[in-house]
Amino acid sequence: MPNPIDQDLFLLEHPSDLISLGKWQKTVNLLSKLFHAPAGFLVQHTSAGFQVTISSEQSSNPYPAGIVIESDANIFCRRIVETGQALYVPNAMIDPCWDTNPEVHQDGFRSYLGVPVFWPNKQPFGTFCVMDYKETEYSDTYIELIEQLKDILESDLSLMSLYQQMQTLAITDSLTDINNRRGFTALAHQRILLAKRMNMRQALLYFDIDDFKVINDKYGHGVGDKVLIAVAQSIYKAIRRSDVVGRLGGDEFVALVVVQSPDDIRQLQKRIFTGFEEAQRQQKLPAFTVSIGDIEVDLNLSFEELLDRADHVMMEKKAKAP
């Protein structure tokens, strides 16, 4: 199934083509310039800690982009991520709560102004902030200014999220929530090319629900849809996350899996059939069976030829079934 944006990965280490880090750099530089501050930052927070995504390009700035600070460090950005609120500290030297702050007592910063930056789902991305070695007296206008500049960053995060949602919709089957034909084809081509480079063995499995029209006619399309979902989920749960599953259309499904021997295919089919039986029992679905055709992938054949072969094997098994 398509995955959402992993918000627990540092964006600096997993960049998106939709994010212009150059534009973000200009925004952070502008922030520092407007505030006459010696350092400005965009900081991202994940379970791995706080990473400086963008650092203002000033010789007075001691923190370069890419450095990571532990999540439990008593730093200003941590307070913002925990509260979800803006933070202004005019003079940290007179506030005992910052006595263990390394930014203050190791690097000499006194003043901090930062605002939270959020992902589109309102989860915290991190902070947008300026720091100064001297005490400051920022007016409300300055806080409004940093909020306005922050909007530029959040709009880019929204664009990245929206684009991925559109991509997901284009390659996902809306009923079963697995890849549709387009999504499966694109991912399968990728996996086959990888198999060629890595000299891996693969198998292609072609699934067809037996007498599916009878199920729809007898129990209604609502029940038929539940059977389709159960089949899709059973296949998906049985394969590895690195394998690919898709719905080609109607009651036909396909999976491309990495194998080491023919026995792997037999074991996989056994797990899938067990999943069908469990879904049928737990969801009180009408009895159904599924025909499966499997082939070992010949890397010299085109993807379309592989599909045709697997489909042919499946039809042969269906014809021989009692």
Protein backbone atom coordinates (compact mmCIF):
# COMPACT_ATOMS: atom_id res chain seq x y z
CA MET A 1 0.00 0.00 0.00
CA PRO A 2 1.22 3.54 -0.64
CA ASN A 3 2.83 5.11 2.39
CA PRO A 4 2.19 8.63 3.71
CA ILE A 5 5.06 11.08 4.23
CA ASP A 6 7.24 9.76 7.03
CA GLN A 7 7.30 12.72 9.38
CA ASP A 8 9.83 10.96 11.58
CA LEU A 9 12.58 11.20 8.97
CA PHE A 10 14.82 14.24 8.75
CA LEU A 11 13.89 16.16 5.61
CA LEU A 12 17.49 17.25 5.14
CA GLU A 13 18.52 13.61 4.76
CA HIS A 14 15.46 12.61 2.71
CA PRO A 15 14.87 15.69 0.51
CA SER A 16 11.82 16.20 -1.65
CA ASP A 17 11.92 17.63 -5.16
CA LEU A 18 8.97 19.80 -4.14
CA ILE A 19 10.96 21.61 -1.44
CA SER A 20 13.39 24.31 -2.45
CA LEU A 21 16.00 24.33 0.29
CA GLY A 22 17.52 27.31 -1.50
CA LYS A 23 14.32 29.29 -0.97
CA TRP A 24 14.23 28.21 2.66
CA GLN A 25 17.85 29.33 3.03
CA LYS A 26 16.94 32.79 1.73
CA THR A 27 13.99 32.94 4.14
CA VAL A 28 16.17 32.09 7.16
CA ASN A 29 18.85 34.57 6.04
CA LEU A 30 16.18 37.25 5.66
CA LEU A 31 14.84 36.49 9.13
CA SER A 32 18.25 37.03 10.70
CA LYS A 33 18.80 40.21 8.70
CA LEU A 34 15.46 41.77 9.64
CA PHE A 35 16.00 40.97 13.32
CA HIS A 36 19.65 42.07 13.28
CA ALA A 37 20.30 38.67 14.87
CA PRO A 38 23.60 36.76 14.67
CA ALA A 39 21.85 33.44 14.09
CA GLY A 40 18.61 32.16 12.58
CA PHE A 41 17.35 28.61 12.09
CA LEU A 42 14.75 26.23 10.79
CA VAL A 43 14.89 23.20 13.09
CA GLN A 44 13.11 19.88 12.55
CA HIS A 45 12.16 17.55 15.39
CA THR A 46 11.83 13.75 15.08
CA SER A 47 12.25 10.88 17.51
CA ALA A 48 15.98 11.06 16.70
CA GLY A 49 16.26 14.58 18.11
CA PHE A 50 16.41 18.15 16.82
CA GLN A 51 18.19 18.72 13.51
CA VAL A 52 19.16 22.12 12.12
CA THR A 53 17.60 21.95 8.65
CA ILE A 54 18.58 25.49 7.63
CA SER A 55 21.14 27.70 9.36
CA SER A 56 21.62 31.39 8.57
CA GLU A 57 24.79 31.99 6.58
CA GLN A 58 26.68 34.18 9.06
CA SER A 59 30.13 33.82 10.59
CA SER A 60 28.54 34.63 13.97
CA ASN A 61 26.35 31.51 13.76
CA PRO A 62 27.93 28.53 15.60
CA TYR A 63 25.45 25.88 14.46
CA PRO A 64 25.72 24.57 10.88
CA ALA A 65 22.89 22.81 9.06
CA GLY A 66 22.82 19.09 9.71
CA ILE A 67 23.80 18.95 13.37
CA VAL A 68 21.49 16.97 15.65
CA ILE A 69 20.75 17.71 19.31
CA GLU A 70 19.26 15.05 21.61
CA SER A 71 15.51 15.18 22.23
CA ASP A 72 15.90 15.54 26.00
CA ALA A 73 18.33 18.47 25.85
CA ASN A 74 17.06 21.59 27.63
CA ILE A 75 17.00 23.80 24.53
CA PHE A 76 14.56 26.51 23.51
CA CYS A 77 13.20 24.57 20.54
CA ARG A 78 12.21 21.69 22.76
CA ARG A 79 9.90 23.99 24.76
CA ILE A 80 8.13 25.08 21.57
CA VAL A 81 7.66 21.52 20.27
CA GLU A 82 6.27 20.40 23.64
CA THR A 83 3.85 23.32 24.02
CA GLY A 84 3.02 24.10 20.39
CA GLN A 85 3.34 27.79 21.31
CA ALA A 86 5.67 30.61 20.32
CA LEU A 87 8.48 31.35 22.77
CA TYR A 88 10.25 34.65 23.45
CA VAL A 89 13.06 34.76 26.00
CA PRO A 90 14.57 38.29 26.13
CA ASN A 91 17.34 37.30 28.58
CA ALA A 92 17.85 33.62 29.46
CA MET A 93 20.63 34.46 31.92
CA ILE A 94 18.13 35.71 34.49
CA ASP A 95 15.74 32.75 34.21
CA PRO A 96 16.79 29.66 36.25
CA CYS A 97 14.85 27.29 33.97
CA TRP A 98 17.59 27.75 31.34
CA ASP A 99 20.48 27.02 33.68
CA THR A 100 21.12 23.69 31.92
CA ASN A 101 20.58 25.06 28.41
CA PRO A 102 23.80 24.45 26.42
CA GLU A 103 22.90 27.21 23.95
CA VAL A 104 23.05 29.67 26.83
CA HIS A 105 25.84 28.40 29.04
CA GLN A 106 28.12 26.85 26.43
CA ASP A 107 27.59 29.04 23.36
CA GLY A 108 26.69 32.34 25.03
CA PHE A 109 23.22 33.03 23.64
CA ARG A 110 20.93 35.15 25.77
CA SER A 111 17.88 35.91 23.65
CA TYR A 112 15.60 33.56 21.74
CA LEU A 113 12.47 34.09 19.67
CA GLY A 114 10.87 31.14 17.95
CA VAL A 115 7.55 29.94 16.57
CA PRO A 116 6.29 26.41 15.92
CA VAL A 117 6.20 25.05 12.38
CA PHE A 118 3.54 22.43 11.67
CA TRP A 119 2.94 19.73 9.11
CA PRO A 120 -0.43 19.98 7.31
CA ASN A 121 -1.90 17.42 9.76
CA LYS A 122 -1.04 19.82 12.63
CA GLN A 123 1.75 17.61 13.94
CA PRO A 124 4.89 19.60 14.84
CA PHE A 125 7.58 19.83 12.18
CA GLY A 126 9.85 21.90 14.39
CA THR A 127 10.71 25.55 14.94
CA PHE A 128 11.61 28.74 13.09
CA CYS A 129 13.75 30.97 15.28
CA VAL A 130 16.38 33.65 15.83
CA MET A 131 18.96 33.82 18.62
CA ASP A 132 21.09 36.66 19.92
CA TYR A 133 24.13 36.96 22.17
CA LYS A 134 22.67 40.01 23.85
CA GLU A 135 19.38 40.81 25.58
CA THR A 136 16.62 41.94 23.18
CA GLU A 137 13.37 43.87 23.32
CA TYR A 138 11.30 42.66 20.38
CA SER A 139 7.93 44.32 19.89
CA ASP A 140 4.71 42.54 18.86
CA THR A 141 5.45 43.61 15.29
CA TYR A 142 8.54 41.38 15.27
CA ILE A 143 6.48 38.40 16.42
CA GLU A 144 3.95 39.08 13.64
CA LEU A 145 6.84 39.25 11.17
CA ILE A 146 8.29 35.87 12.13
CA GLU A 147 4.80 34.34 11.93
CA GLN A 148 4.40 35.71 8.38
CA LEU A 149 7.75 34.30 7.29
CA LYS A 150 6.85 30.95 8.88
CA ASP A 151 3.84 30.72 6.57
CA ILE A 152 6.20 30.41 3.60
CA LEU A 153 7.73 27.28 5.12
CA GLU A 154 4.39 25.72 6.06
CA SER A 155 2.96 26.35 2.60
CA ASP A 156 5.84 24.32 1.12
CA LEU A 157 5.15 21.47 3.55
CA SER A 158 1.48 21.59 2.55
CA LEU A 159 2.41 21.45 -1.13
CA MET A 160 4.60 18.41 -0.56
CA SER A 161 1.85 16.64 1.38
CA LEU A 162 -0.86 17.53 -1.17
CA TYR A 163 1.27 16.34 -4.07
CA GLN A 164 1.88 13.00 -2.39
CA GLN A 165 -1.83 12.62 -1.67
CA MET A 166 -2.57 13.22 -5.35
CA GLN A 167 0.06 10.67 -6.35
CA THR A 168 -1.39 8.17 -3.88
CA LEU A 169 -4.91 8.65 -5.26
CA ALA A 170 -3.62 8.11 -8.80
CA ILE A 171 -2.01 4.75 -8.01
CA THR A 172 -4.34 3.39 -5.31
CA ASP A 173 -7.49 1.33 -5.75
CA SER A 174 -10.17 3.27 -3.89
CA LEU A 175 -12.06 0.16 -2.71
CA THR A 176 -9.30 -2.13 -1.48
CA ASP A 177 -6.63 0.50 -0.65
CA ILE A 178 -3.90 -1.44 -2.46
CA ASN A 179 -2.17 -0.45 -5.71
CA ASN A 180 -4.35 -0.17 -8.77
CA ARG A 181 -3.14 -1.40 -12.16
CA ARG A 182 -1.15 1.78 -12.79
CA GLY A 183 0.49 1.73 -9.37
CA PHE A 184 1.29 -1.96 -9.51
CA THR A 185 2.78 -1.71 -12.99
CA ALA A 186 5.03 1.20 -12.05
CA LEU A 187 6.27 -0.46 -8.85
CA ALA A 188 6.67 -3.87 -10.49
CA HIS A 189 8.87 -2.39 -13.22
CA GLN A 190 11.05 -0.90 -10.46
CA ARG A 191 11.30 -4.18 -8.57
CA ILE A 192 12.15 -6.17 -11.71
CA LEU A 193 14.95 -3.77 -12.60
CA LEU A 194 16.27 -4.10 -9.06
CA ALA A 195 16.11 -7.89 -9.34
CA LYS A 196 18.23 -7.75 -12.48
CA ARG A 197 20.89 -5.68 -10.71
CA MET A 198 20.85 -7.75 -7.53
CA ASN A 199 20.43 -11.15 -9.22
CA MET A 200 17.29 -11.89 -7.19
CA ARG A 201 14.63 -14.48 -7.96
CA GLN A 202 11.02 -13.33 -8.14
CA ALA A 203 7.62 -14.91 -8.58
CA LEU A 204 4.48 -13.41 -10.06
CA LEU A 205 1.14 -14.57 -8.66
CA TYR A 206 -2.14 -13.97 -10.45
CA PHE A 207 -5.40 -14.25 -8.42
CA ASP A 208 -8.98 -14.58 -9.65
CA ILE A 209 -12.02 -15.00 -7.38
CA ASP A 210 -14.01 -18.00 -8.60
CA ASP A 211 -17.61 -17.30 -9.66
CA PHE A 212 -17.49 -13.78 -8.30
CA LYS A 213 -20.52 -12.78 -10.37
CA VAL A 214 -22.55 -15.41 -8.52
CA ILE A 215 -21.58 -13.81 -5.19
CA ASN A 216 -22.69 -10.38 -6.43
CA ASP A 217 -25.95 -11.73 -7.87
CA LYS A 218 -26.82 -13.78 -4.79
CA TYR A 219 -25.69 -11.51 -1.95
CA GLY A 220 -25.47 -8.06 -3.53
CA HIS A 221 -22.59 -5.81 -4.54
CA GLY A 222 -22.05 -4.62 -0.97
CA VAL A 223 -21.13 -8.14 0.10
CA GLY A 224 -19.13 -8.58 -3.11
CA ASP A 225 -17.10 -5.50 -2.20
CA LYS A 226 -16.38 -6.95 1.24
CA VAL A 227 -15.06 -10.12 -0.42
CA LEU A 228 -12.79 -8.05 -2.67
CA ILE A 229 -11.44 -6.14 0.33
CA ALA A 230 -10.88 -9.38 2.27
CA VAL A 231 -8.94 -10.91 -0.64
CA ALA A 232 -6.79 -7.78 -1.06
CA GLN A 233 -6.01 -7.54 2.66
CA SER A 234 -5.22 -11.26 2.96
CA ILE A 235 -2.71 -11.06 0.12
CA TYR A 236 -1.18 -7.85 1.47
CA LYS A 237 -0.76 -9.26 4.99
CA ALA A 238 0.90 -12.43 3.67
CA ILE A 239 3.65 -10.76 1.62
CA ARG A 240 6.70 -8.80 2.73
CA ARG A 241 6.55 -5.03 2.82
CA SER A 242 9.17 -4.98 0.06
CA ASP A 243 6.90 -7.02 -2.26
CA VAL A 244 4.17 -5.49 -4.42
CA VAL A 245 0.45 -6.28 -4.59
CA GLY A 246 -2.22 -4.75 -6.80
CA ARG A 247 -5.76 -5.02 -8.07
CA LEU A 248 -5.80 -5.19 -11.85
CA GLY A 249 -9.54 -4.63 -11.99
CA GLY A 250 -12.75 -6.50 -11.23
CA ASP A 251 -11.91 -9.60 -9.20
CA GLU A 252 -8.32 -10.00 -10.43
CA PHE A 253 -5.31 -9.36 -8.21
CA VAL A 254 -1.58 -9.81 -8.69
CA ALA A 255 1.53 -9.91 -6.49
CA LEU A 256 5.22 -9.70 -7.32
CA VAL A 257 7.34 -11.29 -4.60
CA VAL A 258 10.98 -12.14 -3.96
CA VAL A 259 11.60 -15.88 -3.52
CA GLN A 260 14.56 -18.16 -3.02
CA SER A 261 12.95 -21.46 -4.00
CA PRO A 262 9.68 -22.96 -5.27
CA ASP A 263 8.87 -23.88 -1.69
CA ASP A 264 8.69 -20.16 -0.85
CA ILE A 265 5.83 -19.83 -3.33
CA ARG A 266 3.99 -22.79 -1.83
CA GLN A 267 4.39 -21.41 1.69
CA LEU A 268 3.19 -17.98 0.57
CA GLN A 269 0.08 -19.45 -1.06
CA LYS A 270 -0.61 -21.41 2.11
CA ARG A 271 -0.48 -18.21 4.18
CA ILE A 272 -2.75 -16.45 1.70
CA PHE A 273 -5.35 -19.23 1.71
CA THR A 274 -5.28 -19.23 5.51
CA GLY A 275 -5.94 -15.49 5.37
CA PHE A 276 -8.94 -16.05 3.09
CA GLU A 277 -10.41 -18.60 5.51
CA GLU A 278 -9.88 -16.35 8.54
CA ALA A 279 -11.46 -13.36 6.81
CA GLN A 280 -14.42 -15.45 5.71
CA ARG A 281 -14.98 -16.72 9.24
CA GLN A 282 -14.33 -13.48 11.14
CA GLN A 283 -16.31 -11.25 8.79
CA LYS A 284 -19.08 -13.82 8.21
CA LEU A 285 -18.61 -13.67 4.44
CA PRO A 286 -20.18 -16.15 2.06
CA ALA A 287 -17.98 -19.07 1.03
CA PHE A 288 -15.58 -18.14 -1.77
CA THR A 289 -12.55 -19.65 -3.44
CA VAL A 290 -9.68 -18.09 -5.33
CA SER A 291 -7.66 -19.52 -8.22
CA ILE A 292 -3.98 -18.66 -8.23
CA GLY A 293 -1.52 -18.89 -11.10
CA ASP A 294 2.17 -18.51 -10.29
CA ILE A 295 5.30 -18.28 -12.40
CA GLU A 296 8.92 -17.60 -11.67
CA VAL A 297 9.86 -14.29 -13.25
CA ASP A 298 11.94 -14.59 -16.40
CA LEU A 299 13.92 -11.35 -16.49
CA ASN A 300 14.24 -11.63 -20.27
CA LEU A 301 10.49 -11.21 -20.75
CA SER A 302 8.55 -7.97 -20.76
CA PHE A 303 6.25 -7.21 -17.86
CA GLU A 304 3.19 -7.63 -20.08
CA GLU A 305 4.41 -11.07 -21.17
CA LEU A 306 4.89 -12.07 -17.55
CA LEU A 307 1.33 -11.02 -16.70
CA ASP A 308 -0.04 -13.01 -19.64
CA ARG A 309 1.87 -16.12 -18.57
CA ALA A 310 0.72 -15.90 -14.96
CA ASP A 311 -2.85 -15.30 -16.13
CA HIS A 312 -2.64 -18.35 -18.42
CA VAL A 313 -1.40 -20.56 -15.56
CA MET A 314 -4.22 -19.31 -13.37
CA MET A 315 -6.83 -20.08 -16.04
CA GLU A 316 -5.43 -23.58 -16.47
CA LYS A 317 -5.74 -24.22 -12.74
CA LYS A 318 -9.25 -22.81 -12.70
CA ALA A 319 -10.27 -25.14 -15.56
CA LYS A 320 -8.88 -28.19 -13.72
CA ALA A 321 -10.57 -27.31 -10.41
CA PRO A 322 -13.45 -29.63 -9.45
